[in-house]
Each structure stands twice: as structure tokens, then as C-alpha cells.
Protein backbone atom coordinates (compact mmCIF):
# COMPACT_ATOMS: atom_id res chain seq x y z
CA MET A 1 0.00 0.00 0.00
CA LYS A 2 1.15 3.53 -0.74
CA ARG A 3 1.39 5.96 2.16
CA SER A 4 1.99 9.71 2.28
CA PRO A 5 2.64 11.86 5.40
CA LYS A 6 -0.32 11.88 7.78
CA SER A 7 -2.72 14.80 7.80
CA ASN A 8 -3.85 16.55 10.98
CA GLN A 9 -7.26 17.45 9.58
CA THR A 10 -10.20 16.97 11.99
CA PRO A 11 -13.32 15.40 10.50
CA PRO A 12 -16.30 17.78 10.77
CA PRO A 13 -19.66 16.06 11.30
CA ASP A 14 -21.73 15.66 8.19
CA GLN A 15 -24.51 13.48 6.97
CA VAL A 16 -24.23 11.95 3.55
CA GLN A 17 -26.80 10.69 1.10
CA VAL A 18 -25.39 9.39 -2.16
CA LYS A 19 -27.69 7.29 -4.27
CA ALA A 20 -27.88 5.94 -7.78
CA THR A 21 -30.88 6.64 -9.96
CA THR A 22 -32.43 3.96 -12.13
CA GLN A 23 -35.51 3.63 -14.29
CA SER A 24 -37.29 0.92 -16.19
CA ALA A 25 -35.98 0.22 -19.66
CA THR A 26 -36.77 2.60 -22.50
CA PRO A 27 -35.57 2.38 -26.10
CA VAL A 28 -32.18 3.89 -26.96
CA PRO A 29 -31.17 5.01 -30.44
CA ALA A 30 -29.98 2.14 -32.61
CA ASN A 31 -27.44 4.44 -34.24
CA PRO A 32 -26.04 7.05 -31.85
CA PRO A 33 -25.24 10.46 -33.40
CA SER A 34 -21.75 10.53 -34.83
CA GLU A 35 -21.14 14.14 -33.80
CA ALA A 36 -21.22 15.28 -30.20
CA THR A 37 -23.84 17.78 -29.08
CA GLN A 38 -22.20 20.51 -27.04
CA PRO A 39 -23.38 20.85 -23.41
CA SER A 40 -25.66 23.84 -22.81
CA GLN A 41 -24.12 27.21 -21.97
CA GLY A 42 -25.77 27.05 -18.56
CA LEU A 43 -24.12 23.72 -17.83
CA LEU A 44 -20.75 24.99 -19.02
CA ALA A 45 -21.09 28.04 -16.78
CA GLU A 46 -22.09 25.90 -13.79
CA PHE A 47 -18.95 23.80 -13.92
CA ALA A 48 -16.53 26.38 -15.38
CA PRO A 49 -15.10 27.42 -11.96
CA GLU A 50 -14.08 23.82 -11.33
CA ARG A 51 -12.07 23.45 -14.53
CA ARG A 52 -8.82 24.53 -12.95
CA PRO A 53 -8.60 22.56 -9.68
CA THR A 54 -5.83 23.66 -7.35
CA GLY A 55 -3.97 22.15 -4.42
CA SER A 56 -2.88 18.64 -3.59
CA ARG A 57 -6.45 17.33 -3.67
CA ALA A 58 -7.13 18.37 -7.28
CA VAL A 59 -7.99 15.72 -9.85
CA LYS A 60 -4.60 15.05 -11.39
CA ASP A 61 -2.76 11.86 -12.30
CA LYS A 62 -5.34 9.77 -10.46
CA GLN A 63 -7.89 10.45 -13.21
CA SER A 64 -7.43 8.86 -16.62
CA SER A 65 -9.42 8.51 -19.79
CA LEU A 66 -9.95 6.33 -22.81
CA ASP A 67 -10.79 7.51 -26.32
CA LEU A 68 -13.56 5.28 -27.62
CA SER A 69 -14.03 7.16 -30.90
CA SER A 70 -12.76 4.12 -32.80
CA GLN A 71 -15.01 1.08 -33.06
CA ASP A 72 -11.94 -1.16 -33.24
CA GLY A 73 -10.92 -2.07 -29.69
CA ALA A 74 -7.29 -2.55 -30.76
CA ASP A 75 -7.08 1.14 -31.70
CA MET A 76 -8.43 2.52 -28.42
CA ARG A 77 -6.04 5.06 -26.89
CA ILE A 78 -5.36 4.90 -23.17
CA ASP A 79 -3.88 7.93 -21.40
CA SER A 80 -1.41 7.47 -18.55
CA GLY A 81 -2.58 6.98 -14.96
CA GLY A 82 -3.90 3.91 -13.17
CA LYS A 83 -4.25 0.74 -15.19
CA GLY A 84 -6.71 2.29 -17.62
CA ILE A 85 -10.14 1.43 -19.01
CA GLU A 86 -8.80 -1.29 -21.28
CA TYR A 87 -7.53 -3.14 -18.21
CA ALA A 88 -10.97 -2.88 -16.61
CA LEU A 89 -12.65 -4.14 -19.77
CA SER A 90 -10.36 -7.18 -19.87
CA ALA A 91 -12.32 -8.67 -16.94
CA VAL A 92 -15.84 -8.15 -18.28
CA ASN A 93 -17.85 -9.91 -20.96
CA SER A 94 -18.53 -8.56 -24.43
CA GLU A 95 -22.02 -7.37 -23.45
CA VAL A 96 -20.65 -5.03 -20.77
CA ARG A 97 -17.94 -3.80 -23.11
CA GLN A 98 -20.53 -3.06 -25.80
CA ALA A 99 -22.79 -1.38 -23.25
CA LEU A 100 -19.99 0.98 -22.21
CA THR A 101 -19.15 1.91 -25.79
CA HIS A 102 -22.78 2.36 -26.85
CA SER A 103 -23.93 4.32 -23.79
CA HIS A 104 -20.85 6.55 -24.00
CA GLU A 105 -21.57 7.43 -27.60
CA VAL A 106 -25.29 8.03 -26.97
CA LEU A 107 -24.49 10.37 -24.07
CA ILE A 108 -22.00 12.23 -26.27
CA GLY A 109 -24.73 12.66 -28.87
CA LEU A 110 -27.11 14.03 -26.23
CA GLY A 111 -24.48 16.45 -24.91
CA ILE A 112 -24.50 14.89 -21.43
CA PRO A 113 -21.13 14.97 -19.61
CA HIS A 114 -20.53 11.63 -17.89
CA VAL A 115 -17.86 10.11 -15.66
CA LEU A 116 -17.39 6.39 -15.15
CA ILE A 117 -17.85 5.14 -11.58
CA GLY A 118 -18.58 1.73 -10.04
CA GLY A 119 -16.93 -1.56 -10.91
CA LEU A 120 -15.38 -0.47 -14.20
CA ALA A 121 -13.74 2.49 -12.46
CA VAL A 122 -12.35 0.12 -9.82
CA GLY A 123 -10.88 -1.96 -12.64
CA ALA A 124 -9.35 1.11 -14.25
CA HIS A 125 -7.52 1.75 -10.98
CA GLY A 126 -5.97 -1.71 -10.98
CA TYR A 127 -8.45 -4.25 -9.61
CA ALA A 128 -10.39 -5.74 -12.50
CA TYR A 129 -13.40 -7.91 -11.75
CA ALA A 130 -16.44 -9.09 -13.67
CA THR A 131 -18.94 -6.30 -13.02
CA ARG A 132 -22.25 -6.68 -14.82
CA ASP A 133 -23.38 -3.07 -15.24
CA VAL A 134 -22.13 0.39 -16.24
CA ASP A 135 -22.34 3.30 -13.80
CA TYR A 136 -21.95 7.02 -14.56
CA LEU A 137 -21.76 10.26 -12.62
CA VAL A 138 -23.74 12.95 -14.49
CA PRO A 139 -24.99 16.52 -13.84
CA GLU A 140 -28.63 16.33 -12.79
CA ALA A 141 -29.72 19.19 -15.07
CA ALA A 142 -28.20 17.51 -18.11
CA ALA A 143 -29.70 14.03 -17.70
CA PHE A 144 -33.00 14.60 -15.88
CA GLU A 145 -36.08 16.77 -16.26
CA GLY A 146 -39.21 17.63 -14.33
CA LYS A 147 -39.94 19.30 -10.98
CA LEU A 148 -42.55 17.32 -9.10
CA VAL A 149 -41.69 14.08 -10.89
CA ILE A 150 -38.06 13.67 -11.95
CA THR A 151 -37.52 11.54 -15.04
CA PHE A 152 -34.73 10.87 -17.50
CA LYS A 153 -34.56 13.13 -20.51
CA PRO A 154 -35.55 11.44 -23.79
CA GLY A 155 -32.89 9.15 -25.21
CA VAL A 156 -30.83 8.69 -22.05
CA PRO A 157 -29.75 5.01 -22.15
CA ILE A 158 -30.77 3.00 -19.11
CA LYS A 159 -30.17 -0.43 -20.57
CA VAL A 160 -28.08 -1.81 -23.43
CA GLY A 161 -29.09 -5.36 -24.17
CA LYS A 162 -29.15 -7.04 -20.77
CA VAL A 163 -26.71 -4.59 -19.18
CA ALA A 164 -28.14 -1.90 -16.87
CA ILE A 165 -26.85 1.66 -17.15
CA ASP A 166 -27.10 3.44 -13.77
CA TYR A 167 -26.56 7.09 -12.91
CA LEU A 168 -25.44 9.10 -9.89
CA VAL A 169 -25.71 12.89 -9.51
CA PRO A 170 -23.37 15.03 -7.39
CA GLU A 171 -24.47 15.12 -3.75
CA GLY A 172 -23.09 14.58 -0.29
CA PRO A 173 -20.51 16.51 1.78
CA GLU A 174 -18.93 19.61 0.29
CA ASN A 175 -15.57 18.02 -0.54
CA VAL A 176 -17.29 15.04 -2.16
CA GLN A 177 -19.49 17.25 -4.32
CA ARG A 178 -16.50 19.39 -5.25
CA ARG A 179 -14.54 16.35 -6.37
CA MET A 180 -17.51 15.11 -8.38
CA GLN A 181 -17.83 18.52 -10.06
CA GLU A 182 -14.12 18.48 -10.92
CA CYS A 183 -14.62 15.14 -12.66
CA ILE A 184 -17.63 16.43 -14.58
CA ALA A 185 -15.66 19.52 -15.61
CA LYS A 186 -12.98 17.20 -17.01
CA ALA A 187 -15.65 15.27 -18.93
CA ILE A 188 -16.97 18.53 -20.41
CA GLU A 189 -13.47 19.46 -21.58
CA THR A 190 -12.87 16.04 -23.20
CA PRO A 191 -16.31 14.82 -24.32
CA ASN A 192 -15.04 12.09 -26.65
CA GLU A 193 -13.13 10.32 -23.89
CA VAL A 194 -14.38 8.12 -21.07
CA THR A 195 -13.26 9.79 -17.85
CA TYR A 196 -13.29 7.90 -14.56
CA VAL A 197 -13.26 9.10 -10.97
CA PRO A 198 -10.09 9.33 -8.82
CA SER A 199 -9.48 6.55 -6.33
CA ASP A 200 -10.30 8.46 -3.13
CA LEU A 201 -13.73 9.50 -4.43
CA LEU A 202 -14.30 5.97 -5.68
CA ALA A 203 -13.37 4.63 -2.24
CA TYR A 204 -15.89 6.99 -0.63
CA MET A 205 -18.66 5.75 -2.93
CA LYS A 206 -17.84 2.10 -2.28
CA LEU A 207 -17.55 2.54 1.47
CA LYS A 208 -20.81 4.51 1.58
CA ALA A 209 -22.57 1.62 -0.19
CA GLY A 210 -21.06 -0.73 2.40
CA ARG A 211 -21.77 -4.05 0.71
CA ALA A 212 -19.30 -6.90 1.11
CA LYS A 213 -18.16 -6.64 -2.50
CA ASP A 214 -17.67 -2.87 -2.13
CA ILE A 215 -15.55 -3.33 1.00
CA GLY A 216 -13.54 -5.98 -0.85
CA ALA A 217 -12.98 -3.59 -3.76
CA VAL A 218 -11.52 -0.94 -1.44
CA VAL A 219 -9.19 -3.53 0.10
CA GLU A 220 -7.96 -4.42 -3.38
CA LEU A 221 -7.55 -0.74 -4.31
CA LEU A 222 -5.32 -0.33 -1.25
CA LYS A 223 -3.28 -3.38 -2.23
CA THR A 224 -2.82 -2.06 -5.78
CA GLY A 225 -1.43 1.29 -4.65
CA MET A 226 -4.18 3.66 -3.50
CA ASP A 227 -2.58 6.17 -1.12
CA VAL A 228 -3.58 5.33 2.45
CA GLU A 229 -3.12 8.76 4.03
CA ASP A 230 -4.49 10.83 1.14
CA THR A 231 -7.62 8.70 1.08
CA ARG A 232 -7.93 8.85 4.87
CA ALA A 233 -7.73 12.67 4.77
CA PHE A 234 -10.39 12.90 2.05
CA LEU A 235 -12.75 10.61 3.97
CA SER A 236 -12.11 12.45 7.24
CA ILE A 237 -13.15 15.76 5.68
CA ALA A 238 -16.31 14.09 4.34
CA GLY A 239 -17.04 13.26 7.97
CA ASN A 240 -19.21 10.16 7.69
CA PRO A 241 -18.32 7.97 10.72
CA ASP A 242 -19.53 4.74 9.09
CA VAL A 243 -17.42 5.37 6.00
CA ILE A 244 -14.36 6.18 8.12
CA ALA A 245 -14.80 3.05 10.26
CA ARG A 246 -15.16 0.86 7.18
CA TYR A 247 -12.06 2.41 5.67
CA GLU A 248 -9.93 1.68 8.73
CA LYS A 249 -11.17 -1.91 8.60
CA CYS A 250 -10.12 -2.07 4.94
CA VAL A 251 -6.66 -0.73 5.78
CA ARG A 252 -6.19 -3.42 8.43
CA MET A 253 -7.39 -6.13 6.06
CA ALA A 254 -5.09 -4.94 3.27
CA GLU A 255 -2.09 -4.82 5.63
CA SER A 256 -2.88 -8.30 6.92
CA GLU A 257 -3.16 -9.72 3.41
CA ASP A 258 0.05 -8.01 2.32
CA GLU A 259 1.89 -9.61 5.23
CA SER A 260 0.57 -13.10 4.57
């Protein structure tokens, strides 16, 4: 496990509610638009201040992307950082791989910025496992509509074949929302690439979910090089005691497995 000098930050109390949004299947375009629709000016203005993150907690080398503009998998370009999307896709079946490519291109055509989260993002950071769905972080205003009843905007893919496409919108503690907005800003700047979340934010999401497989994913992220102290500092600022307790358990488990 990678460690950096410990931080003296004190975790302020905060309550967190992060949830994925799903909907029953609706048709998606058989042939996604070949040219990207630009995000609205309002959306660009909303995330513009986050385009130049500063400080040690900015989204930097921990965030990577994959250009899926080519239909030929052999020609896909992987930028440096982590293991990359191609590594994550090596552990999933062809249906999930197709679902990622298709949903990515449909969202480009709709002008919806999107950031990969969930199991495929875990794989991109070095622990590939056979996830069966595709999860994205998206701006609420870009993907949803309605006031009293919130629904997906027309054309937003929620299922490709048998593979579910799930969505999360930015919410939670201030530092968590800020990190999510930084990721979305990156996606706006590079719409033709699949961007995935940095490991500390991914760890927060997995620990908040709290399922056995999510805890196991964080243990594996620690074993593959996720920085122990940087992640601890990020989670401490978020201030969710359950998340922090689960993280410390993961650290102990990872250390024990490394020693064995």
C-alpha cells in the first residue's frame, strides 16, 4: 500500500446521502449520433469554476481517460494513470464492453457529460473484476427533467441489451461534491473520452454503499497502490463515521493480506 505523510485534519460532522438513480428500460437510439452535441451554456457556466482545480487534492494523475471514438478495440487510446479502461474491460464480458461503448456514444450525442464510476472504475484503478453493469456520474440538469416528478430526458440510455446503465448525480458533503464537479468539468473538456473518478472519491462511494463486494474492492484498491493517508484525509473531511470506520477496517485487512 502507498502511504503519504499523515494529515492533521479533523473530521467535521456531516450526513451523507449518495444514491444511484435507475428507471425501467426505454428504447435507446440504434445508431447514436456521430457528432457530439455541445453541453448547454448554462451547464458549461455551472462547472466552469471547477475546470482549474488547485492544491494537492485536485484531480490530477489519479484520473485517466480512454478515447472510444474508434469502433476497433485494438485502436483505443489509453492515457497514462492507473491501469486504464482497457484493463478494466479485460475482466468483463462482451455485453458489458458493448454497453460501455454504446452508452458513452449516446451520451455524447445528447451532450450529457458523464464520468465512469462503479466496478469499471475500480478496474481502471488496478483491480479488475467481472462487473455486470455500467455506472456514470452525471450533472442532474443535463440528464433529468421535471420538478414534481423527476424523469430521465428522452434518449438517455438505461439499458443496453441485458446490461443496466445506472446514474449518480453530485451530492453529499462539500468536498465530495466538489470532487464530483471536478470530474464532470474534465468530462466537459474532453467529451469524446471516457473519464473515470479518482481513487479516493471511488473509495468513498464504495464505502458509503457498504456491501461486502464494495468493502472488498476498497481492500484491493489499497493493495494495488491507492494512497492510504491521502484517502484517509479525504474521507475524514467528508465526515461520515460509518465510511471512516469501514475504511480503517479495509486498511487493516489490506495490511494483513500483504503480510501473509
